[in-house]
């Protein structure tokens, strides 16, 4: 069963704009393949494949990602087995595990993080996500 919830941010006139949506992939959901999104996504399930976006990704404590992540920024509380490329910020929060390399202009690592890989921190070439949303 696939659970994908989209929430819309309202404007002052109470109209909605789908371009401001955020998506949620819940615990117990497993996806194989390429995941693409525009603005924000939170994952608490499993993804086997690539994640590609110009937005912000949050990985909850139950998230398990087996593949490459390319986003603007990422916050990791779960497990990533693959390389991470971000154009803004990568944050490894307490309890997270990352097995792979990181390229990011900014990297923040909490205590109690497992990181097995290399990190290239500083000016990173701009990445244009290969999304369907151009």
Protein backbone atom coordinates (compact mmCIF):
# COMPACT_ATOMS: atom_id res chain seq x y z
CA UNK A 1 0.00 0.00 0.00
CA UNK A 2 1.34 3.42 -0.95
CA UNK A 3 0.61 6.29 1.39
CA UNK A 4 1.42 9.67 -0.10
CA UNK A 5 -0.13 12.67 1.60
CA UNK A 6 0.11 16.15 0.13
CA UNK A 7 -0.57 19.24 2.19
CA UNK A 8 -1.05 22.69 0.73
CA UNK A 9 -0.04 26.01 2.25
CA UNK A 10 -2.80 28.62 2.13
CA UNK A 11 -2.38 32.25 1.17
CA UNK A 12 -4.03 35.19 2.93
CA UNK A 13 -7.05 34.88 0.61
CA UNK A 14 -7.27 31.16 1.60
CA UNK A 15 -6.59 29.95 -1.94
CA UNK A 16 -4.12 27.12 -2.36
CA UNK A 17 -1.07 26.76 -4.53
CA UNK A 18 0.04 23.18 -5.31
CA UNK A 19 3.59 24.36 -6.01
CA UNK A 20 3.95 24.93 -2.25
CA UNK A 21 3.07 21.34 -1.35
CA UNK A 22 4.93 18.94 0.88
CA UNK A 23 4.71 15.16 0.65
CA UNK A 24 4.99 12.37 3.19
CA UNK A 25 6.08 8.76 2.69
CA UNK A 26 5.05 6.94 5.86
CA UNK A 27 6.65 4.14 7.86
CA UNK A 28 5.93 0.73 6.36
CA UNK A 29 5.92 2.03 2.78
CA UNK A 30 8.63 0.74 0.43
CA UNK A 31 9.44 2.17 -3.01
CA UNK A 32 11.88 0.89 -5.63
CA UNK A 33 12.91 3.35 -8.31
CA UNK A 34 13.37 7.08 -8.70
CA UNK A 35 11.67 9.50 -6.29
CA UNK A 36 11.23 13.09 -7.50
CA UNK A 37 9.57 16.03 -5.76
CA UNK A 38 9.55 19.81 -6.00
CA UNK A 39 9.58 21.53 -2.61
CA UNK A 40 9.50 19.41 0.54
CA UNK A 41 9.28 15.73 1.37
CA UNK A 42 9.47 13.70 4.57
CA UNK A 43 10.27 9.99 4.38
CA UNK A 44 9.80 7.51 7.22
CA UNK A 45 9.63 4.45 4.95
CA UNK A 46 12.12 2.72 2.65
CA UNK A 47 13.42 3.81 -0.75
CA UNK A 48 15.65 1.65 -2.94
CA UNK A 49 16.79 3.94 -5.73
CA UNK A 50 17.61 7.59 -6.28
CA UNK A 51 16.00 10.67 -4.76
CA UNK A 52 16.25 13.77 -6.95
CA UNK A 53 14.89 17.23 -6.13
CA UNK A 54 15.56 20.93 -5.96
CA UNK A 55 13.78 20.99 -2.59
CA UNK A 56 14.23 19.95 1.04
CA UNK A 57 14.25 16.31 2.18
CA UNK A 58 13.70 15.16 5.75
CA UNK A 59 14.42 11.54 6.64
CA UNK A 60 12.72 10.37 9.83
CA UNK A 61 14.21 7.93 12.32
CA UNK A 62 12.60 4.92 10.57
CA UNK A 63 13.73 5.93 7.07
CA UNK A 64 16.01 3.60 5.13
CA UNK A 65 17.42 4.89 1.85
CA UNK A 66 19.49 2.61 -0.40
CA UNK A 67 20.65 4.88 -3.20
CA UNK A 68 21.86 8.34 -4.14
CA UNK A 69 20.29 11.53 -2.80
CA UNK A 70 20.47 14.80 -4.78
CA UNK A 71 18.56 17.70 -3.21
CA UNK A 72 18.89 21.29 -2.09
CA UNK A 73 19.10 20.23 1.55
CA UNK A 74 18.61 17.11 3.65
CA UNK A 75 18.06 16.34 7.34
CA UNK A 76 18.85 12.74 8.24
CA UNK A 77 17.57 10.94 11.36
CA UNK A 78 17.36 7.48 9.77
CA UNK A 79 19.75 5.41 7.65
CA UNK A 80 21.25 6.23 4.25
CA UNK A 81 23.31 3.72 2.25
CA UNK A 82 24.50 5.82 -0.66
CA UNK A 83 26.04 9.13 -1.61
CA UNK A 84 24.49 12.50 -0.75
CA UNK A 85 24.87 15.59 -2.96
CA UNK A 86 23.23 18.83 -1.77
CA UNK A 87 23.45 22.40 -2.99
CA UNK A 88 22.77 24.00 0.42
CA UNK A 89 23.00 21.98 3.64
CA UNK A 90 23.33 18.41 4.91
CA UNK A 91 22.38 17.75 8.53
CA UNK A 92 23.12 14.42 10.23
CA UNK A 93 21.03 14.32 13.39
CA UNK A 94 21.59 12.21 16.50
CA UNK A 95 20.97 8.52 15.91
CA UNK A 96 21.39 8.68 12.13
CA UNK A 97 23.65 6.46 10.01
CA UNK A 98 25.19 7.39 6.67
CA UNK A 99 27.30 4.94 4.67
CA UNK A 100 28.48 6.92 1.68
CA UNK A 101 30.09 10.16 0.62
CA UNK A 102 28.75 13.68 1.11
CA UNK A 103 29.20 16.77 -1.07
CA UNK A 104 27.71 19.88 0.52
CA UNK A 105 28.48 23.57 0.99
CA UNK A 106 27.47 23.17 4.66
CA UNK A 107 27.56 20.03 6.83
CA UNK A 108 26.20 19.76 10.38
CA UNK A 109 26.83 16.59 12.41
CA UNK A 110 25.27 15.95 15.83
CA UNK A 111 26.71 13.68 18.50
CA UNK A 112 25.82 9.97 18.27
CA UNK A 113 25.97 9.83 14.45
CA UNK A 114 27.51 6.99 12.45
CA UNK A 115 29.20 8.28 9.30
CA UNK A 116 31.27 5.92 7.17
CA UNK A 117 32.50 7.75 4.08
CA UNK A 118 34.13 10.90 2.84
CA UNK A 119 32.94 14.48 2.97
CA UNK A 120 33.63 17.32 0.57
CA UNK A 121 32.43 20.45 2.34
CA UNK A 122 32.55 23.95 0.93
CA UNK A 123 31.69 25.48 -2.42
CA UNK A 124 29.95 22.81 -4.48
CA UNK A 125 29.05 23.17 -8.13
CA UNK A 126 25.37 23.89 -8.63
CA UNK A 127 23.36 20.78 -9.39
CA UNK A 128 20.26 20.86 -11.50
CA UNK A 129 17.92 18.06 -10.55
CA UNK A 130 16.78 15.86 -13.41
CA UNK A 131 13.15 16.32 -12.48
CA UNK A 132 10.07 16.19 -14.59
CA UNK A 133 9.02 19.58 -13.26
CA UNK A 134 11.16 21.92 -15.42
